[in-house]
Amino acid sequence: MTPTNHFSQRTNQRGHTKAMIELALLCGELAGDKCIANKKQTQKFIDSTDRRIKKLNALKQKNSQLFDAHPFELELEELQEQRRIAMKVLDKGGITIVFEADRLITAYNTNSFKRC
């Protein structure tokens, strides 16, 4: 997908990184022309990532004498990076991305319209 100038400006204004946008597109739910990654979905993603990290650590300890630990380390680093990014998305209350065909139109925090 190609970002529009408007999309780039809004993501910069709202503090959304490219990694956060990719994560929102990965774990978000499609609703018409929007991809919504709310708190609930992001928390599910974090929980599943935590389970994968735990399993990988157990596998790494179990097979530490048999195999080289380097592939395990690379996978662990990648999972921890995904978790860190997901935590940022969760702190923002989720991210909603509006798109049309193959163009990204805008992005905003999911809870930005909820006012007390």
Protein backbone atom coordinates (compact mmCIF):
# COMPACT_ATOMS: atom_id res chain seq x y z
CA MET A 1 0.00 0.00 0.00
CA THR A 2 1.23 3.45 -0.82
CA PRO A 3 0.77 6.29 1.67
CA THR A 4 -0.67 9.62 0.58
CA ASN A 5 0.88 12.93 1.65
CA HIS A 6 -2.04 13.41 4.03
CA PHE A 7 -1.36 10.00 5.60
CA SER A 8 2.33 10.80 6.08
CA GLN A 9 1.54 14.17 7.68
CA ARG A 10 -1.04 12.69 10.06
CA THR A 11 1.15 9.80 11.14
CA ASN A 12 3.97 12.23 11.91
CA GLN A 13 1.61 14.54 13.84
CA ARG A 14 0.13 11.69 15.85
CA GLY A 15 3.38 9.89 16.59
CA HIS A 16 2.67 6.73 14.61
CA THR A 17 5.74 4.94 13.31
CA LYS A 18 5.86 2.75 10.23
CA ALA A 19 6.23 -0.30 12.48
CA MET A 20 3.11 0.69 14.44
CA ILE A 21 1.12 1.05 11.21
CA GLU A 22 2.33 -2.36 9.98
CA LEU A 23 1.36 -3.95 13.29
CA ALA A 24 -2.09 -2.34 13.18
CA LEU A 25 -2.61 -3.67 9.65
CA LEU A 26 -1.44 -7.10 10.82
CA CYS A 27 -3.60 -7.50 13.92
CA GLY A 28 -6.43 -5.08 13.14
CA GLU A 29 -9.97 -5.88 12.08
CA LEU A 30 -11.30 -4.73 8.72
CA ALA A 31 -14.49 -2.67 8.86
CA GLY A 32 -15.37 -1.27 5.45
CA ASP A 33 -12.54 0.98 4.36
CA LYS A 34 -10.90 0.99 7.80
CA CYS A 35 -8.51 -1.28 9.63
CA ILE A 36 -9.11 -0.95 13.37
CA ALA A 37 -6.59 -2.23 15.90
CA ASN A 38 -8.30 -1.48 19.20
CA LYS A 39 -7.09 -2.18 22.75
CA LYS A 40 -8.73 -5.60 22.93
CA GLN A 41 -7.18 -6.89 19.70
CA THR A 42 -3.80 -5.43 20.55
CA GLN A 43 -3.89 -7.05 23.99
CA LYS A 44 -4.69 -10.42 22.36
CA PHE A 45 -1.70 -9.94 20.06
CA ILE A 46 0.54 -9.14 23.06
CA ASP A 47 -0.74 -12.20 24.93
CA SER A 48 -0.06 -14.50 21.98
CA THR A 49 3.40 -12.97 21.55
CA ASP A 50 4.11 -13.54 25.25
CA ARG A 51 3.11 -17.20 24.89
CA ARG A 52 5.40 -17.59 21.88
CA ILE A 53 8.29 -15.96 23.77
CA LYS A 54 7.73 -18.27 26.74
CA LYS A 55 7.66 -21.39 24.52
CA LEU A 56 10.77 -20.28 22.65
CA ASN A 57 12.66 -19.64 25.90
CA ALA A 58 11.70 -23.11 27.16
CA LEU A 59 12.80 -24.68 23.87
CA LYS A 60 16.05 -22.73 23.96
CA GLN A 61 16.88 -23.93 27.48
CA LYS A 62 15.91 -27.51 26.66
CA ASN A 63 18.07 -27.67 23.54
CA SER A 64 20.92 -25.38 24.59
CA GLN A 65 23.50 -28.19 24.65
CA LEU A 66 22.33 -29.83 21.42
CA PHE A 67 22.00 -26.92 19.02
CA ASP A 68 23.39 -23.48 18.37
CA ALA A 69 21.29 -20.91 20.28
CA HIS A 70 21.73 -18.20 17.63
CA PRO A 71 18.49 -18.93 15.67
CA PHE A 72 16.56 -18.88 18.95
CA GLU A 73 18.11 -15.54 19.87
CA LEU A 74 17.14 -13.96 16.55
CA GLU A 75 13.54 -15.15 16.84
CA LEU A 76 13.36 -13.96 20.47
CA GLU A 77 14.65 -10.51 19.53
CA GLU A 78 12.06 -10.22 16.75
CA LEU A 79 9.22 -11.28 19.06
CA GLN A 80 10.35 -8.86 21.77
CA GLU A 81 10.46 -6.04 19.21
CA GLN A 82 6.91 -6.87 18.06
CA ARG A 83 5.77 -6.89 21.69
CA ARG A 84 7.40 -3.50 22.31
CA ILE A 85 5.64 -1.98 19.31
CA ALA A 86 2.32 -3.54 20.32
CA MET A 87 2.70 -1.97 23.77
CA LYS A 88 3.08 1.44 22.11
CA VAL A 89 -0.10 0.85 20.10
CA LEU A 90 -1.87 -0.23 23.29
CA ASP A 91 -0.70 2.95 25.08
CA LYS A 92 -2.29 5.03 22.31
CA GLY A 93 -5.58 3.17 22.76
CA GLY A 94 -5.26 1.50 19.38
CA ILE A 95 -4.84 2.78 15.84
CA THR A 96 -7.40 3.12 13.05
CA ILE A 97 -6.14 3.26 9.47
CA VAL A 98 -8.35 4.44 6.61
CA PHE A 99 -7.47 3.18 3.14
CA GLU A 100 -8.91 3.05 -0.36
CA ALA A 101 -7.80 0.33 -2.78
CA ASP A 102 -4.00 0.37 -2.41
CA ARG A 103 -3.63 3.86 -0.90
CA LEU A 104 -3.40 4.71 2.78
CA ILE A 105 -5.57 7.80 3.43
CA THR A 106 -5.19 8.62 7.14
CA ALA A 107 -4.49 7.14 10.56
CA TYR A 108 -5.66 8.16 14.01
CA ASN A 109 -5.80 6.86 17.56
CA THR A 110 -8.85 4.62 17.93
CA ASN A 111 -10.04 6.26 21.13
CA SER A 112 -9.53 9.82 19.85
CA PHE A 113 -13.26 10.44 19.37
CA LYS A 114 -14.27 9.29 22.85
CA ARG A 115 -14.61 12.39 24.98
CA CYS A 116 -15.67 12.45 28.62
